[in-house]
Protein backbone atom coordinates (compact mmCIF):
# COMPACT_ATOMS: atom_id res chain seq x y z
CA UNK A 1 -10.87 0.90 7.43
CA UNK A 2 -11.08 1.06 11.16
CA UNK A 3 -14.72 1.39 11.18
CA UNK A 4 -15.10 -2.11 9.85
CA UNK A 5 -13.15 -3.76 12.81
CA UNK A 6 -14.10 -5.05 16.19
CA UNK A 7 -12.76 -3.00 19.09
CA UNK A 8 -9.51 -4.13 20.78
CA UNK A 9 -10.54 -2.65 23.91
CA UNK A 10 -13.70 -2.65 25.84
CA UNK A 11 -13.27 1.03 26.49
CA UNK A 12 -12.61 1.82 22.91
CA UNK A 13 -15.23 3.44 20.40
CA UNK A 14 -17.00 0.64 18.80
CA UNK A 15 -15.58 -1.09 15.78
CA UNK A 16 -12.51 1.20 15.71
CA UNK A 17 -8.68 0.62 15.89
CA UNK A 18 -5.80 2.96 15.59
CA UNK A 19 -2.31 2.52 14.44
CA UNK A 20 -0.39 4.88 16.46
CA UNK A 21 0.05 7.24 19.15
CA UNK A 22 -0.66 10.99 19.05
CA UNK A 23 2.85 11.68 20.20
CA UNK A 24 6.14 12.04 18.38
CA UNK A 25 8.19 8.90 19.43
CA UNK A 26 10.40 9.44 22.43
CA UNK A 27 8.99 12.75 23.39
CA UNK A 28 7.60 11.50 26.50
CA UNK A 29 10.18 9.14 27.43
CA UNK A 30 12.64 11.93 27.80
CA UNK A 31 10.64 13.12 30.78
CA UNK A 32 10.22 9.82 32.21
CA UNK A 33 6.60 9.26 31.40
CA UNK A 34 4.76 6.63 29.54
CA UNK A 35 3.78 7.53 25.99
CA UNK A 36 -0.09 7.62 25.50
CA UNK A 37 -0.87 5.51 22.67
CA UNK A 38 -4.19 5.43 20.59
CA UNK A 39 -4.53 1.66 20.41
CA UNK A 40 -4.39 -1.25 22.75
CA UNK A 41 -3.40 -4.66 21.20
CA UNK A 42 -5.12 -7.59 22.74
CA UNK A 43 -5.04 -11.13 21.97
CA UNK A 44 -7.40 -11.20 18.56
CA UNK A 45 -8.84 -13.80 16.51
CA UNK A 46 -6.23 -14.71 14.06
CA UNK A 47 -7.61 -17.33 11.37
CA UNK A 48 -5.31 -20.14 9.98
CA UNK A 49 -5.50 -18.21 6.75
CA UNK A 50 -4.44 -14.91 8.17
CA UNK A 51 -1.66 -16.65 10.07
CA UNK A 52 -0.51 -18.35 6.97
CA UNK A 53 -0.62 -15.10 4.92
CA UNK A 54 1.50 -13.30 7.49
CA UNK A 55 4.12 -15.96 7.59
CA UNK A 56 4.35 -16.59 3.97
CA UNK A 57 3.77 -13.23 2.33
CA UNK A 58 5.53 -10.90 4.74
CA UNK A 59 8.86 -11.11 3.03
CA UNK A 60 7.10 -9.97 -0.20
CA UNK A 61 4.96 -7.19 1.14
CA UNK A 62 6.39 -6.13 4.57
CA UNK A 63 8.63 -3.57 5.46
CA UNK A 64 9.89 -2.55 8.81
CA UNK A 65 12.97 -1.36 10.93
CA UNK A 66 14.34 1.96 12.06
CA UNK A 67 16.03 3.07 8.80
CA UNK A 68 14.17 5.37 6.53
CA UNK A 69 12.38 4.07 3.49
CA UNK A 70 13.64 4.82 -0.15
CA UNK A 71 10.34 4.48 -1.95
CA UNK A 72 11.93 4.03 -5.63
CA UNK A 73 14.08 1.33 -4.19
CA UNK A 74 11.22 -0.33 -2.16
CA UNK A 75 8.81 -0.39 -5.29
CA UNK A 76 11.25 -0.15 -7.97
CA UNK A 77 10.02 2.86 -9.65
CA UNK A 78 9.11 6.34 -9.15
CA UNK A 79 5.46 6.94 -8.48
CA UNK A 80 2.99 8.84 -6.44
CA UNK A 81 3.18 7.66 -2.84
CA UNK A 82 -0.10 7.20 -0.86
CA UNK A 83 0.32 6.10 3.01
CA UNK A 84 -2.76 4.83 4.82
CA UNK A 85 -2.66 5.02 8.60
CA UNK A 86 -4.77 2.38 10.42
CA UNK A 87 -5.97 0.14 7.33
CA UNK A 88 -8.11 -2.16 9.31
CA UNK A 89 -9.25 -5.09 7.22
CA UNK A 90 -7.36 -3.62 4.10
CA UNK A 91 -10.68 -3.17 2.39
CA UNK A 92 -9.96 0.24 1.33
CA UNK A 93 -6.49 0.03 0.69
CA UNK A 94 -6.84 -3.05 -1.41
CA UNK A 95 -9.70 -1.20 -3.48
CA UNK A 96 -7.49 2.00 -4.17
CA UNK A 97 -4.35 -0.26 -5.10
CA UNK A 98 -6.64 -1.96 -7.62
CA UNK A 99 -8.05 1.35 -8.80
CA UNK A 100 -4.86 3.15 -9.21
CA UNK A 101 -2.11 0.78 -10.24
CA UNK A 102 0.02 3.83 -11.02
CA UNK A 103 0.30 4.70 -7.43
CA UNK A 104 2.30 3.10 -4.75
CA UNK A 105 0.99 2.31 -1.49
CA UNK A 106 2.11 1.96 2.28
CA UNK A 107 -0.29 0.56 4.80
CA UNK A 108 0.43 0.92 8.57
CA UNK A 109 -1.63 -1.35 10.88
CA UNK A 110 -0.58 -3.14 14.05
CA UNK A 111 -3.38 -5.61 14.55
CA UNK A 112 -2.35 -9.06 12.90
CA UNK A 113 -5.85 -10.13 11.65
CA UNK A 114 -6.17 -7.02 9.49
CA UNK A 115 -2.65 -7.39 8.26
CA UNK A 116 -3.21 -11.09 7.50
CA UNK A 117 -6.23 -10.25 5.47
CA UNK A 118 -4.66 -7.68 3.54
CA UNK A 119 -1.59 -9.66 2.56
CA UNK A 120 -4.02 -12.58 1.50
CA UNK A 121 -5.93 -10.18 -0.63
CA UNK A 122 -2.85 -8.43 -2.45
CA UNK A 123 -1.51 -11.88 -3.31
CA UNK A 124 -4.86 -12.98 -4.69
CA UNK A 125 -4.88 -10.08 -6.90
CA UNK A 126 -1.24 -10.15 -7.95
CA UNK A 127 -0.52 -6.68 -6.81
CA UNK A 128 2.90 -5.25 -6.37
CA UNK A 129 2.29 -1.74 -5.59
CA UNK A 130 1.54 -2.20 -1.89
CA UNK A 131 3.93 -2.62 1.20
CA UNK A 132 2.74 -2.96 4.76
CA UNK A 133 4.46 -1.76 8.13
CA UNK A 134 3.25 -3.45 11.54
CA UNK A 135 4.41 -0.54 13.60
CA UNK A 136 3.08 2.49 15.62
CA UNK A 137 2.06 5.04 12.93
CA UNK A 138 3.95 8.02 14.78
CA UNK A 139 7.19 5.74 14.86
CA UNK A 140 6.68 5.15 10.75
CA UNK A 141 5.99 8.62 10.15
CA UNK A 142 8.86 10.20 12.31
CA UNK A 143 11.58 7.52 11.46
CA UNK A 144 10.78 5.60 8.44
CA UNK A 145 9.07 7.91 5.95
CA UNK A 146 11.18 10.75 4.50
CA UNK A 147 10.07 14.37 4.92
CA UNK A 148 8.49 15.56 1.91
CA UNK A 149 7.84 12.43 0.30
CA UNK A 150 4.23 11.47 0.42
CA UNK A 151 1.64 12.55 -1.95
CA UNK A 152 -1.42 11.51 0.00
CA UNK A 153 -1.90 10.34 3.40
CA UNK A 154 -5.09 8.73 4.56
CA UNK A 155 -6.47 8.36 8.01
CA UNK A 156 -10.06 6.96 7.59
CA UNK A 157 -12.19 6.04 10.72
CA UNK A 158 -9.77 6.22 13.47
CA UNK A 159 -10.98 5.26 17.00
CA UNK A 160 -12.93 8.16 18.50
CA UNK A 161 -12.41 7.08 22.04
CA UNK A 162 -15.61 8.66 22.80
CA UNK A 163 -15.06 8.80 26.71
CA UNK A 164 -13.80 11.99 27.81
CA UNK A 165 -11.12 10.42 29.93
CA UNK A 166 -9.81 8.58 26.89
CA UNK A 167 -9.63 11.64 24.73
CA UNK A 168 -5.84 11.80 25.18
CA UNK A 169 -5.70 8.67 23.38
CA UNK A 170 -7.16 10.00 20.11
CA UNK A 171 -4.53 9.82 17.53
CA UNK A 172 -5.14 13.14 15.99
CA UNK A 173 -3.30 15.55 18.09
CA UNK A 174 -0.99 18.66 17.59
CA UNK A 175 2.31 16.35 17.45
CA UNK A 176 0.73 13.88 15.00
CA UNK A 177 -0.57 16.85 12.77
CA UNK A 178 3.24 18.08 12.85
CA UNK A 179 4.29 14.53 11.69
CA UNK A 180 1.75 14.57 8.80
CA UNK A 181 2.94 18.07 7.58
CA UNK A 182 6.40 16.85 7.76
CA UNK A 183 6.03 13.86 5.31
CA UNK A 184 3.85 15.40 2.79
CA UNK A 185 4.93 17.08 -0.25
CA UNK A 186 4.28 20.60 -0.96
CA UNK A 187 0.90 20.30 -2.49
CA UNK A 188 0.33 16.92 -0.90
CA UNK A 189 -2.80 16.22 1.19
CA UNK A 190 -4.17 14.47 4.11
CA UNK A 191 -7.75 12.90 4.14
CA UNK A 192 -9.29 12.26 7.32
CA UNK A 193 -12.79 10.75 7.81
CA UNK A 194 -14.78 9.96 10.94
CA UNK A 195 -18.58 9.50 11.76
CA UNK A 196 -18.08 10.76 15.30
CA UNK A 197 -19.02 14.71 15.10
CA UNK A 198 -17.19 15.21 18.26
CA UNK A 199 -14.08 13.92 17.03
CA UNK A 200 -14.48 15.42 13.70
CA UNK A 201 -14.58 18.92 15.41
CA UNK A 202 -11.49 18.08 17.44
CA UNK A 203 -9.73 16.81 14.30
CA UNK A 204 -10.54 20.15 12.54
CA UNK A 205 -9.48 22.37 15.48
CA UNK A 206 -6.21 20.55 15.41
CA UNK A 207 -5.31 20.69 11.81
CA UNK A 208 -6.53 24.11 11.54
CA UNK A 209 -3.78 24.98 13.91
CA UNK A 210 -0.96 23.47 11.98
CA UNK A 211 0.48 26.12 9.76
CA UNK A 212 1.91 24.27 7.15
CA UNK A 213 -1.56 22.90 6.28
CA UNK A 214 -4.47 24.73 4.44
CA UNK A 215 -8.11 23.51 4.36
CA UNK A 216 -9.02 22.46 0.82
CA UNK A 217 -12.61 23.39 1.71
CA UNK A 218 -12.12 26.60 3.22
CA UNK A 219 -11.09 27.54 6.84
CA UNK A 220 -13.36 25.74 9.19
CA UNK A 221 -14.97 23.69 6.44
CA UNK A 222 -15.59 20.01 5.81
CA UNK A 223 -15.45 18.25 2.44
CA UNK A 224 -18.38 17.77 0.35
CA UNK A 225 -18.37 13.92 -0.62
CA UNK A 226 -15.90 11.32 0.09
CA UNK A 227 -13.51 12.03 -3.03
CA UNK A 228 -11.20 8.91 -3.57
CA UNK A 229 -12.32 7.32 -0.47
CA UNK A 230 -14.06 4.07 -1.05
CA UNK A 231 -17.48 3.39 0.96
CA UNK A 232 -16.99 0.66 3.44
CA UNK A 233 -19.74 -1.82 4.49
CA UNK A 234 -19.91 -0.32 7.78
CA UNK A 235 -20.47 3.09 6.15
CA UNK A 236 -23.20 2.01 3.62
CA UNK A 237 -24.87 0.48 6.74
CA UNK A 238 -24.61 3.63 8.60
CA UNK A 239 -25.69 5.67 5.86
CA UNK A 240 -29.02 3.81 5.61
CA UNK A 241 -29.41 4.33 9.45
CA UNK A 242 -28.94 8.13 9.13
CA UNK A 243 -25.24 8.40 10.07
CA UNK A 244 -23.16 11.24 9.09
CA UNK A 245 -19.59 10.83 7.84
CA UNK A 246 -17.30 14.03 8.21
CA UNK A 247 -14.56 14.17 5.73
CA UNK A 248 -11.45 16.49 6.04
CA UNK A 249 -9.06 17.44 3.33
CA UNK A 250 -5.77 19.49 3.92
CA UNK A 251 -3.04 20.36 1.57
CA UNK A 252 0.61 20.92 2.47
CA UNK A 253 1.41 24.64 1.74
CA UNK A 254 3.71 25.09 -1.20
CA UNK A 255 5.76 27.46 0.69
CA UNK A 256 7.97 26.12 3.89
CA UNK A 257 7.77 29.22 5.61
CA UNK A 258 4.12 28.79 6.22
CA UNK A 259 3.18 31.92 4.21
CA UNK A 260 -0.05 32.22 2.52
CA UNK A 261 -0.41 29.99 -0.52
CA UNK A 262 -3.23 28.94 -2.82
CA UNK A 263 -4.39 25.35 -2.48
CA UNK A 264 -2.46 23.73 -5.25
CA UNK A 265 -3.27 20.39 -6.79
CA UNK A 266 -1.09 17.61 -5.67
CA UNK A 267 0.69 15.20 -7.82
CA UNK A 268 -2.03 12.79 -7.14
CA UNK A 269 -5.23 14.54 -7.99
CA UNK A 270 -7.36 15.42 -5.02
CA UNK A 271 -11.05 14.59 -4.65
């Protein structure tokens, strides 16, 4: 998860990375302005093992390109589809893939060390229910993930960009919430977690304002417990120090017109 990773920018929050911008691809280019991204890629420390994993295992696990993905064709079966945005070192994604072999997973991450580590872990475990995209998450959600195809979307410990002048870099913005609502199946869910209260309040405000999403904890509420989210080493260490983690769970409304609907169970059972 993002919280286990060293920052890629000295101005970024401690131990966080994001895998995407908060904007729909191209929406800024039309006005001649540079898209603000939530991540900054810098030269990272790529071990020989991670480099070898990317070179040797990418053909087996990697997906990419502008064309929309067909999950049944990619995985060779029809199964609940889980997308994790910004999987960091892959700890949580690997744990869930092992726990739920009946689910299929797509991990999105732009930083090579984390990608290499996850690929090596997948091969060592012999897993075939995971694919990896090394692209901006906003581009993946807008262009490659078909509308209404995702059962669960995970965004765990995105970079909080704590300095006020960098808040525009935060991944969770209204346009990103719209992309999330676009790709979720009716009844599907998005699970977000952060240990920065200010960012948690911001995320809550953004998701509450998206009419196609409904808060599983009730309006303005946070989830009790972490549900399916595995606890990372970073989180366990923070818990011992008294840090609080804020979990938010929203479900896609059953009706496309945004009319009130009951919080229904997703195909993949929620927390």
